[in-house]
Amino acid sequence: MTMPARARYIVAVIGALMVAACGGSATVSVASATPTATPTDSATAAAASGAAWTVTDKSKATIRVREQLVGVSLPSDAVLTATGAKGSFTLNADGTFASGSKITFDLVTLASDERDRDNFIKNDTLQVRQFPTAEFVPTKTSGLTVPLATSGTFTFTLTGNMTIKGKTKEVTFDVTAKRDGSDLTATATADPSWKFGDFGMTAPSVPFRVLSVTDEIRAAIDIVATGPKG
């Protein structure tokens, strides 16, 4: 019967110690004694490199902007939502994200309760014909225990690079996430909020319809993703 490589290594080391104890000398052949990688070793290495999650089209991004409309006594929030999300991300053992992690949203889908507002925002403010998507590249987390437990709720801070209208800015989100096996849901709220100028935009102005718009974009991303069960 052929002795496994790991066993041969242990026997060689014990033999060397016995010879040395008797006043002799011994040389251990590293090439022949070094154990070979096993399937278990490979699995451990793969786990350390992080688990991949795929974003589903149930995800959405919502922005809120305070506006004062003509003929209305009090300001209110304009709420616009974008769907058509896609992408994936891999969370490393140190809380960072692997290269290639990215989530995109289709800005053509952006909609509120007013069609005229939607058309103005998409055509003038965002120029979606030239810049049809918003892109978020996560870079690191803070306050998150990795690897994630197979079930439970987690709160942490997420940092990454957001690109809108061709302009990229590092942003942070406060995140509450829930995992149930291979299902992951999370709500990420931008903190601090954004300015229009952060992404090369100006606050919307529509004569005879919108008196003013507060220069503050409150953004939230709802992520629904699938990944490994364990």
C-alpha atoms as a PDB file:
ATOM      1  CA  MET A   1       0.000   0.000   0.000  1.00  0.00           C
ATOM      2  CA  THR A   2       1.357   3.438  -0.948  1.00  0.00           C
ATOM      3  CA  MET A   3       1.711   5.805   1.993  1.00  0.00           C
ATOM      4  CA  PRO A   4      -0.046   9.195   1.590  1.00  0.00           C
ATOM      5  CA  ALA A   5       2.219  12.192   1.045  1.00  0.00           C
ATOM      6  CA  ARG A   6       1.292  13.848   4.352  1.00  0.00           C
ATOM      7  CA  ALA A   7       2.047  10.631   6.259  1.00  0.00           C
ATOM      8  CA  ARG A   8       5.434  10.275   4.512  1.00  0.00           C
ATOM      9  CA  TYR A   9       6.259  13.830   5.570  1.00  0.00           C
ATOM     10  CA  ILE A  10       5.425  13.143   9.228  1.00  0.00           C
ATOM     11  CA  VAL A  11       7.427   9.888   9.236  1.00  0.00           C
ATOM     12  CA  ALA A  12      10.432  11.679   7.707  1.00  0.00           C
ATOM     13  CA  VAL A  13      10.362  14.393  10.346  1.00  0.00           C
ATOM     14  CA  ILE A  14      10.074  11.877  13.212  1.00  0.00           C
ATOM     15  CA  GLY A  15      12.961   9.878  11.783  1.00  0.00           C
ATOM     16  CA  ALA A  16      15.137  12.987  11.574  1.00  0.00           C
ATOM     17  CA  LEU A  17      14.416  13.864  15.187  1.00  0.00           C
ATOM     18  CA  MET A  18      15.297  10.346  16.371  1.00  0.00           C
ATOM     19  CA  VAL A  19      18.618  10.368  14.511  1.00  0.00           C
ATOM     20  CA  ALA A  20      19.481  13.781  15.899  1.00  0.00           C
ATOM     21  CA  ALA A  21      18.652  12.646  19.422  1.00  0.00           C
ATOM     22  CA  CYS A  22      21.132   9.752  19.041  1.00  0.00           C
ATOM     23  CA  GLY A  23      23.945  12.125  18.049  1.00  0.00           C
ATOM     24  CA  GLY A  24      23.740  11.495  14.326  1.00  0.00           C
ATOM     25  CA  SER A  25      22.705  13.734  11.476  1.00  0.00           C
ATOM     26  CA  ALA A  26      19.919  13.540   9.010  1.00  0.00           C
ATOM     27  CA  THR A  27      18.726  15.354   5.905  1.00  0.00           C
ATOM     28  CA  VAL A  28      15.072  15.610   5.029  1.00  0.00           C
ATOM     29  CA  SER A  29      14.222  15.767   1.340  1.00  0.00           C
ATOM     30  CA  VAL A  30      11.813  18.682   1.050  1.00  0.00           C
ATOM     31  CA  ALA A  31      10.812  17.795  -2.485  1.00  0.00           C
ATOM     32  CA  SER A  32       9.663  14.291  -1.564  1.00  0.00           C
ATOM     33  CA  ALA A  33       8.293  15.111   1.892  1.00  0.00           C
ATOM     34  CA  THR A  34       6.177  18.179   1.093  1.00  0.00           C
ATOM     35  CA  PRO A  35       2.490  17.189   1.134  1.00  0.00           C
ATOM     36  CA  THR A  36       0.445  17.799  -1.985  1.00  0.00           C
ATOM     37  CA  ALA A  37      -2.707  19.920  -2.031  1.00  0.00           C
ATOM     38  CA  THR A  38      -5.906  18.080  -1.225  1.00  0.00           C
ATOM     39  CA  PRO A  39      -9.478  18.846  -2.300  1.00  0.00           C
ATOM     40  CA  THR A  40     -10.134  20.176   1.215  1.00  0.00           C
ATOM     41  CA  ASP A  41      -7.203  22.603   0.918  1.00  0.00           C
ATOM     42  CA  SER A  42      -8.557  23.860  -2.417  1.00  0.00           C
ATOM     43  CA  ALA A  43     -12.032  24.380  -0.992  1.00  0.00           C
ATOM     44  CA  THR A  44     -10.630  26.370   1.921  1.00  0.00           C
ATOM     45  CA  ALA A  45      -8.675  28.612  -0.453  1.00  0.00           C
ATOM     46  CA  ALA A  46     -11.774  29.193  -2.563  1.00  0.00           C
ATOM     47  CA  ALA A  47     -13.798  30.143   0.506  1.00  0.00           C
ATOM     48  CA  ALA A  48     -11.130  32.621   1.586  1.00  0.00           C
ATOM     49  CA  SER A  49     -11.327  34.371  -1.787  1.00  0.00           C
ATOM     50  CA  GLY A  50     -14.954  35.355  -1.136  1.00  0.00           C
ATOM     51  CA  ALA A  51     -18.436  34.375  -2.249  1.00  0.00           C
ATOM     52  CA  ALA A  52     -20.091  35.746  -5.375  1.00  0.00           C
ATOM     53  CA  TRP A  53     -23.592  37.243  -5.325  1.00  0.00           C
ATOM     54  CA  THR A  54     -25.728  37.944  -8.387  1.00  0.00           C
ATOM     55  CA  VAL A  55     -28.030  40.976  -8.373  1.00  0.00           C
ATOM     56  CA  THR A  56     -31.595  40.284  -9.535  1.00  0.00           C
ATOM     57  CA  ASP A  57     -33.993  42.552 -11.420  1.00  0.00           C
ATOM     58  CA  LYS A  58     -36.048  42.929  -8.231  1.00  0.00           C
ATOM     59  CA  SER A  59     -33.488  45.484  -7.084  1.00  0.00           C
ATOM     60  CA  LYS A  60     -34.244  49.192  -7.416  1.00  0.00           C
ATOM     61  CA  ALA A  61     -32.767  52.622  -6.764  1.00  0.00           C
ATOM     62  CA  THR A  62     -34.859  55.482  -5.366  1.00  0.00           C
ATOM     63  CA  ILE A  63     -33.996  59.183  -5.200  1.00  0.00           C
ATOM     64  CA  ARG A  64     -35.895  61.889  -3.345  1.00  0.00           C
ATOM     65  CA  VAL A  65     -35.582  65.606  -3.993  1.00  0.00           C
ATOM     66  CA  ARG A  66     -37.460  68.382  -2.176  1.00  0.00           C
ATOM     67  CA  GLU A  67     -39.347  70.646  -4.577  1.00  0.00           C
ATOM     68  CA  GLN A  68     -41.689  73.608  -4.397  1.00  0.00           C
ATOM     69  CA  LEU A  69     -44.325  73.531  -7.134  1.00  0.00           C
ATOM     70  CA  VAL A  70     -46.196  76.514  -8.512  1.00  0.00           C
ATOM     71  CA  GLY A  71     -49.655  76.853  -6.968  1.00  0.00           C
ATOM     72  CA  VAL A  72     -48.847  74.547  -4.037  1.00  0.00           C
ATOM     73  CA  SER A  73     -48.503  76.087  -0.590  1.00  0.00           C
ATOM     74  CA  LEU A  74     -45.965  73.628   0.858  1.00  0.00           C
ATOM     75  CA  PRO A  75     -42.889  71.856  -0.570  1.00  0.00           C
ATOM     76  CA  SER A  76     -42.998  68.109  -1.155  1.00  0.00           C
ATOM     77  CA  ASP A  77     -40.704  65.273  -2.170  1.00  0.00           C
ATOM     78  CA  ALA A  78     -40.320  64.258  -5.786  1.00  0.00           C
ATOM     79  CA  VAL A  79     -39.705  60.500  -5.646  1.00  0.00           C
ATOM     80  CA  LEU A  80     -38.183  58.783  -8.672  1.00  0.00           C
ATOM     81  CA  THR A  81     -37.375  55.077  -8.938  1.00  0.00           C
ATOM     82  CA  ALA A  82     -35.103  53.239 -11.373  1.00  0.00           C
ATOM     83  CA  THR A  83     -35.280  49.500 -11.987  1.00  0.00           C
ATOM     84  CA  GLY A  84     -33.536  47.211 -14.470  1.00  0.00           C
ATOM     85  CA  ALA A  85     -30.693  46.418 -12.085  1.00  0.00           C
ATOM     86  CA  LYS A  86     -27.989  43.928 -12.974  1.00  0.00           C
ATOM     87  CA  GLY A  87     -24.515  42.980 -11.862  1.00  0.00           C
ATOM     88  CA  SER A  88     -22.667  40.953  -9.251  1.00  0.00           C
ATOM     89  CA  PHE A  89     -20.294  41.411  -6.351  1.00  0.00           C
ATOM     90  CA  THR A  90     -17.850  39.296  -4.396  1.00  0.00           C
ATOM     91  CA  LEU A  91     -17.126  40.072  -0.757  1.00  0.00           C
ATOM     92  CA  ASN A  92     -13.595  39.184   0.316  1.00  0.00           C
ATOM     93  CA  ALA A  93     -12.580  37.855   3.732  1.00  0.00           C
ATOM     94  CA  ASP A  94     -11.198  41.268   4.755  1.00  0.00           C
ATOM     95  CA  GLY A  95     -14.441  43.132   4.014  1.00  0.00           C
ATOM     96  CA  THR A  96     -13.299  44.507   0.654  1.00  0.00           C
ATOM     97  CA  PHE A  97     -14.808  43.629  -2.711  1.00  0.00           C
ATOM     98  CA  ALA A  98     -13.160  41.698  -5.507  1.00  0.00           C
ATOM     99  CA  SER A  99     -12.288  43.384  -8.777  1.00  0.00           C
ATOM    100  CA  GLY A 100     -15.212  43.319 -11.182  1.00  0.00           C
ATOM    101  CA  SER A 101     -17.894  43.854  -8.521  1.00  0.00           C
ATOM    102  CA  LYS A 102     -20.466  46.258  -9.982  1.00  0.00           C
ATOM    103  CA  ILE A 103     -24.173  47.092  -9.922  1.00  0.00           C
ATOM    104  CA  THR A 104     -25.877  49.082 -12.664  1.00  0.00           C
ATOM    105  CA  PHE A 105     -29.344  50.622 -12.966  1.00  0.00           C
ATOM    106  CA  ASP A 106     -31.184  51.502 -16.158  1.00  0.00           C
ATOM    107  CA  LEU A 107     -31.959  55.218 -15.899  1.00  0.00           C
ATOM    108  CA  VAL A 108     -34.340  55.001 -18.848  1.00  0.00           C
ATOM    109  CA  THR A 109     -36.733  53.274 -16.417  1.00  0.00           C
ATOM    110  CA  LEU A 110     -36.646  56.226 -13.997  1.00  0.00           C
ATOM    111  CA  ALA A 111     -40.220  57.198 -13.130  1.00  0.00           C
ATOM    112  CA  SER A 112     -42.260  59.186 -10.622  1.00  0.00           C
ATOM    113  CA  ASP A 113     -45.922  60.170 -10.378  1.00  0.00           C
ATOM    114  CA  GLU A 114     -45.525  62.913 -13.010  1.00  0.00           C
ATOM    115  CA  ARG A 115     -44.640  62.110 -16.613  1.00  0.00           C
ATOM    116  CA  ASP A 116     -43.557  65.680 -17.396  1.00  0.00           C
ATOM    117  CA  ARG A 117     -41.138  65.616 -14.459  1.00  0.00           C
ATOM    118  CA  ASP A 118     -39.746  62.266 -15.582  1.00  0.00           C
ATOM    119  CA  ASN A 119     -39.148  63.477 -19.116  1.00  0.00           C
ATOM    120  CA  PHE A 120     -37.410  66.646 -17.936  1.00  0.00           C
ATOM    121  CA  ILE A 121     -35.149  64.796 -15.475  1.00  0.00           C
ATOM    122  CA  LYS A 122     -34.187  62.117 -17.992  1.00  0.00           C
ATOM    123  CA  ASN A 123     -33.727  64.366 -21.014  1.00  0.00           C
ATOM    124  CA  ASP A 124     -32.289  67.539 -19.456  1.00  0.00           C
ATOM    125  CA  THR A 125     -30.843  66.733 -16.035  1.00  0.00           C
ATOM    126  CA  LEU A 126     -29.495  63.206 -16.612  1.00  0.00           C
ATOM    127  CA  GLN A 127     -29.256  63.161 -20.417  1.00  0.00           C
ATOM    128  CA  VAL A 128     -30.061  59.454 -20.469  1.00  0.00           C
ATOM    129  CA  ARG A 129     -29.643  59.111 -24.230  1.00  0.00           C
ATOM    130  CA  GLN A 130     -25.938  59.700 -23.715  1.00  0.00           C
ATOM    131  CA  PHE A 131     -25.677  58.265 -20.194  1.00  0.00           C
ATOM    132  CA  PRO A 132     -28.343  55.545 -19.922  1.00  0.00           C
ATOM    133  CA  THR A 133     -27.076  53.859 -16.756  1.00  0.00           C
ATOM    134  CA  ALA A 134     -25.965  54.650 -13.221  1.00  0.00           C
ATOM    135  CA  GLU A 135     -23.127  52.474 -11.956  1.00  0.00           C
ATOM    136  CA  PHE A 136     -22.032  51.611  -8.436  1.00  0.00           C
ATOM    137  CA  VAL A 137     -18.715  49.857  -7.771  1.00  0.00           C
ATOM    138  CA  PRO A 138     -18.466  48.746  -4.120  1.00  0.00           C
ATOM    139  CA  THR A 139     -14.975  48.861  -2.621  1.00  0.00           C
ATOM    140  CA  LYS A 140     -15.168  48.088   1.108  1.00  0.00           C
ATOM    141  CA  THR A 141     -17.362  47.569   4.151  1.00  0.00           C
ATOM    142  CA  SER A 142     -16.949  48.715   7.746  1.00  0.00           C
ATOM    143  CA  GLY A 143     -18.534  47.040  10.764  1.00  0.00           C
ATOM    144  CA  LEU A 144     -19.457  43.856   8.903  1.00  0.00           C
ATOM    145  CA  THR A 145     -18.352  40.433  10.168  1.00  0.00           C
ATOM    146  CA  VAL A 146     -17.075  38.281   7.319  1.00  0.00           C
ATOM    147  CA  PRO A 147     -17.829  35.581   6.309  1.00  0.00           C
ATOM    148  CA  LEU A 148     -21.517  36.292   6.640  1.00  0.00           C
ATOM    149  CA  ALA A 149     -23.578  34.020   8.832  1.00  0.00           C
ATOM    150  CA  THR A 150     -25.965  31.865   6.802  1.00  0.00           C
ATOM    151  CA  SER A 151     -28.927  33.701   8.307  1.00  0.00           C
ATOM    152  CA  GLY A 152     -29.587  36.887  10.236  1.00  0.00           C
ATOM    153  CA  THR A 153     -29.617  40.669   9.964  1.00  0.00           C
ATOM    154  CA  PHE A 154     -26.518  42.834   9.548  1.00  0.00           C
ATOM    155  CA  THR A 155     -25.881  46.574   9.768  1.00  0.00           C
ATOM    156  CA  PHE A 156     -22.716  48.164   8.384  1.00  0.00           C
ATOM    157  CA  THR A 157     -21.254  50.976   6.310  1.00  0.00           C
ATOM    158  CA  LEU A 158     -20.618  50.483   2.607  1.00  0.00           C
ATOM    159  CA  THR A 159     -18.165  52.562   0.565  1.00  0.00           C
ATOM    160  CA  GLY A 160     -17.853  52.623  -3.198  1.00  0.00           C
ATOM    161  CA  ASN A 161     -17.729  54.692  -6.370  1.00  0.00           C
ATOM    162  CA  MET A 162     -20.957  55.958  -7.917  1.00  0.00           C
ATOM    163  CA  THR A 163     -20.998  57.073 -11.549  1.00  0.00           C
ATOM    164  CA  ILE A 164     -23.862  59.174 -12.879  1.00  0.00           C
ATOM    165  CA  LYS A 165     -23.825  61.155 -16.115  1.00  0.00           C
ATOM    166  CA  GLY A 166     -20.191  60.179 -16.655  1.00  0.00           C
ATOM    167  CA  LYS A 167     -19.048  61.655 -13.317  1.00  0.00           C
ATOM    168  CA  THR A 168     -17.680  59.418 -10.551  1.00  0.00           C
ATOM    169  CA  LYS A 169     -17.776  60.188  -6.834  1.00  0.00           C
ATOM    170  CA  GLU A 170     -16.864  58.098  -3.798  1.00  0.00           C
ATOM    171  CA  VAL A 171     -19.986  57.663  -1.670  1.00  0.00           C
ATOM    172  CA  THR A 172     -20.961  55.888   1.531  1.00  0.00           C
ATOM    173  CA  PHE A 173     -24.156  54.105   2.505  1.00  0.00           C
ATOM    174  CA  ASP A 174     -25.666  52.981   5.783  1.00  0.00           C
ATOM    175  CA  VAL A 175     -26.793  49.411   5.118  1.00  0.00           C
ATOM    176  CA  THR A 176     -29.249  47.054   6.749  1.00  0.00           C
ATOM    177  CA  ALA A 177     -29.078  43.587   5.191  1.00  0.00           C
ATOM    178  CA  LYS A 178     -30.742  40.252   5.763  1.00  0.00           C
ATOM    179  CA  ARG A 179     -29.518  36.848   4.666  1.00  0.00           C
ATOM    180  CA  ASP A 180     -31.546  33.656   4.466  1.00  0.00           C
ATOM    181  CA  GLY A 181     -29.310  31.003   2.965  1.00  0.00           C
ATOM    182  CA  SER A 182     -28.751  31.843  -0.685  1.00  0.00           C
ATOM    183  CA  ASP A 183     -31.049  34.903  -0.561  1.00  0.00           C
ATOM    184  CA  LEU A 184     -29.715  38.329   0.378  1.00  0.00           C
ATOM    185  CA  THR A 185     -31.705  41.567   0.652  1.00  0.00           C
ATOM    186  CA  ALA A 186     -30.323  44.945   1.667  1.00  0.00           C
ATOM    187  CA  THR A 187     -31.332  48.590   1.863  1.00  0.00           C
ATOM    188  CA  ALA A 188     -28.460  51.048   1.448  1.00  0.00           C
ATOM    189  CA  THR A 189     -29.139  54.708   2.281  1.00  0.00           C
ATOM    190  CA  ALA A 190     -26.649  57.347   1.140  1.00  0.00           C
ATOM    191  CA  ASP A 191     -25.026  59.132   4.075  1.00  0.00           C
ATOM    192  CA  PRO A 192     -24.195  61.908   3.527  1.00  0.00           C
ATOM    193  CA  SER A 193     -26.696  62.826   0.820  1.00  0.00           C
ATOM    194  CA  TRP A 194     -25.499  64.042  -2.581  1.00  0.00           C
ATOM    195  CA  LYS A 195     -25.463  67.389  -4.386  1.00  0.00           C
ATOM    196  CA  PHE A 196     -26.411  67.805  -8.043  1.00  0.00           C
ATOM    197  CA  GLY A 197     -22.963  69.239  -8.702  1.00  0.00           C
ATOM    198  CA  ASP A 198     -21.324  66.029  -7.431  1.00  0.00           C
ATOM    199  CA  PHE A 199     -22.258  64.472 -10.754  1.00  0.00           C
ATOM    200  CA  GLY A 200     -22.010  67.499 -13.039  1.00  0.00           C
ATOM    201  CA  MET A 201     -25.710  68.337 -12.866  1.00  0.00           C
ATOM    202  CA  THR A 202     -27.692  71.428 -11.932  1.00  0.00           C
ATOM    203  CA  ALA A 203     -30.876  71.406  -9.881  1.00  0.00           C
ATOM    204  CA  PRO A 204     -33.926  71.204 -12.186  1.00  0.00           C
ATOM    205  CA  SER A 205     -35.728  74.442 -12.994  1.00  0.00           C
ATOM    206  CA  VAL A 206     -39.024  74.429 -14.881  1.00  0.00           C
ATOM    207  CA  PRO A 207     -40.626  77.880 -15.393  1.00  0.00           C
ATOM    208  CA  PHE A 208     -44.304  78.154 -14.414  1.00  0.00           C
ATOM    209  CA  ARG A 209     -44.237  74.655 -12.865  1.00  0.00           C
ATOM    210  CA  VAL A 210     -41.393  74.362 -10.343  1.00  0.00           C
ATOM    211  CA  LEU A 211     -40.469  77.333  -8.179  1.00  0.00           C
ATOM    212  CA  SER A 212     -37.434  75.755  -6.558  1.00  0.00           C
ATOM    213  CA  VAL A 213     -35.622  72.459  -5.939  1.00  0.00           C
ATOM    214  CA  THR A 214     -33.440  71.842  -2.896  1.00  0.00           C
ATOM    215  CA  ASP A 215     -29.866  70.994  -3.860  1.00  0.00           C
ATOM    216  CA  GLU A 216     -29.905  67.666  -2.075  1.00  0.00           C
ATOM    217  CA  ILE A 217     -30.336  64.168  -3.505  1.00  0.00           C
ATOM    218  CA  ARG A 218     -31.397  61.547  -0.977  1.00  0.00           C
ATOM    219  CA  ALA A 219     -30.623  58.175  -2.504  1.00  0.00           C
ATOM    220  CA  ALA A 220     -31.448  54.649  -1.417  1.00  0.00           C
ATOM    221  CA  ILE A 221     -30.676  51.355  -3.122  1.00  0.00           C
ATOM    222  CA  ASP A 222     -32.687  48.197  -2.454  1.00  0.00           C
ATOM    223  CA  ILE A 223     -30.633  45.158  -3.412  1.00  0.00           C
ATOM    224  CA  VAL A 224     -31.976  41.660  -3.940  1.00  0.00           C
ATOM    225  CA  ALA A 225     -29.262  39.110  -4.680  1.00  0.00           C
ATOM    226  CA  THR A 226     -28.712  35.364  -4.807  1.00  0.00           C
ATOM    227  CA  GLY A 227     -25.560  33.519  -3.863  1.00  0.00           C
ATOM    228  CA  PRO A 228     -24.151  30.514  -1.997  1.00  0.00           C
ATOM    229  CA  LYS A 229     -26.311  28.691   0.544  1.00  0.00           C
ATOM    230  CA  GLY A 230     -23.579  28.439   3.152  1.00  0.00           C
END
